Amino acid sequence: MLLARLGLRGGEVSAVILDAIDWESGEIVVHGKDQRMAHVPLPADVGSALVDYLRQV
């Protein structure tokens, strides 16, 4: 979902940590190349998929 819906790269997805997700504001902080950070909107369906994944893992 993060790759397809948000257009993130594999390395960006693998670097996501729980503290990077702001559930209240609906954003995720993504660390990209050259130590760049971006605040990306977190759509409800992507957030739900993350919750499902975390519950199963």
Protein backbone atom coordinates (compact mmCIF):
# COMPACT_ATOMS: atom_id res chain seq x y z
CA MET A 1 0.00 0.00 0.00
CA LEU A 2 2.78 2.43 0.86
CA LEU A 3 4.48 1.72 -2.44
CA ALA A 4 1.37 1.80 -4.61
CA ARG A 5 -0.81 4.48 -3.00
CA LEU A 6 1.82 6.87 -1.67
CA GLY A 7 4.48 6.32 -4.33
CA LEU A 8 7.21 5.62 -1.81
CA ARG A 9 10.40 3.77 -2.71
CA GLY A 10 11.29 0.43 -1.18
CA GLY A 11 14.05 1.94 0.93
CA GLU A 12 11.69 4.58 2.26
CA VAL A 13 9.11 1.98 3.22
CA SER A 14 11.67 -0.22 4.96
CA ALA A 15 12.89 2.80 6.96
CA VAL A 16 9.43 3.69 8.33
CA ILE A 17 9.20 3.39 12.11
CA LEU A 18 6.08 3.60 14.27
CA ASP A 19 7.11 6.96 15.69
CA ALA A 20 7.06 8.37 12.15
CA ILE A 21 3.28 7.86 11.91
CA ASP A 22 1.12 10.63 13.31
CA TRP A 23 -2.30 9.01 13.51
CA GLU A 24 -4.05 12.14 14.79
CA SER A 25 -2.93 14.44 11.98
CA GLY A 26 -2.98 11.66 9.38
CA GLU A 27 0.60 11.99 8.20
CA ILE A 28 3.69 9.91 7.97
CA VAL A 29 7.25 11.24 8.07
CA VAL A 30 9.31 9.65 5.33
CA HIS A 31 13.10 9.70 5.30
CA GLY A 32 14.41 9.85 1.77
CA LYS A 33 17.72 10.26 0.06
CA ASP A 34 20.37 12.57 1.52
CA GLN A 35 18.68 12.60 4.95
CA ARG A 36 15.67 14.45 3.54
CA MET A 37 12.39 14.23 5.40
CA ALA A 38 8.92 14.66 3.94
CA HIS A 39 5.53 14.79 5.63
CA VAL A 40 3.21 12.68 3.50
CA PRO A 41 -0.57 12.52 3.99
CA LEU A 42 -1.73 9.13 5.27
CA PRO A 43 -5.04 8.20 3.62
CA ALA A 44 -7.51 6.25 5.76
CA ASP A 45 -7.25 3.08 3.66
CA VAL A 46 -3.46 3.06 3.92
CA GLY A 47 -3.66 3.63 7.68
CA SER A 48 -6.12 0.75 8.02
CA ALA A 49 -3.82 -1.51 6.02
CA LEU A 50 -0.91 -0.57 8.31
CA VAL A 51 -2.97 -1.36 11.40
CA ASP A 52 -4.01 -4.73 9.96
CA TYR A 53 -0.40 -5.54 9.12
CA LEU A 54 0.84 -4.60 12.58
CA ARG A 55 -1.83 -6.70 14.26
CA GLN A 56 -0.94 -9.77 12.20
CA VAL A 57 2.83 -9.50 12.52
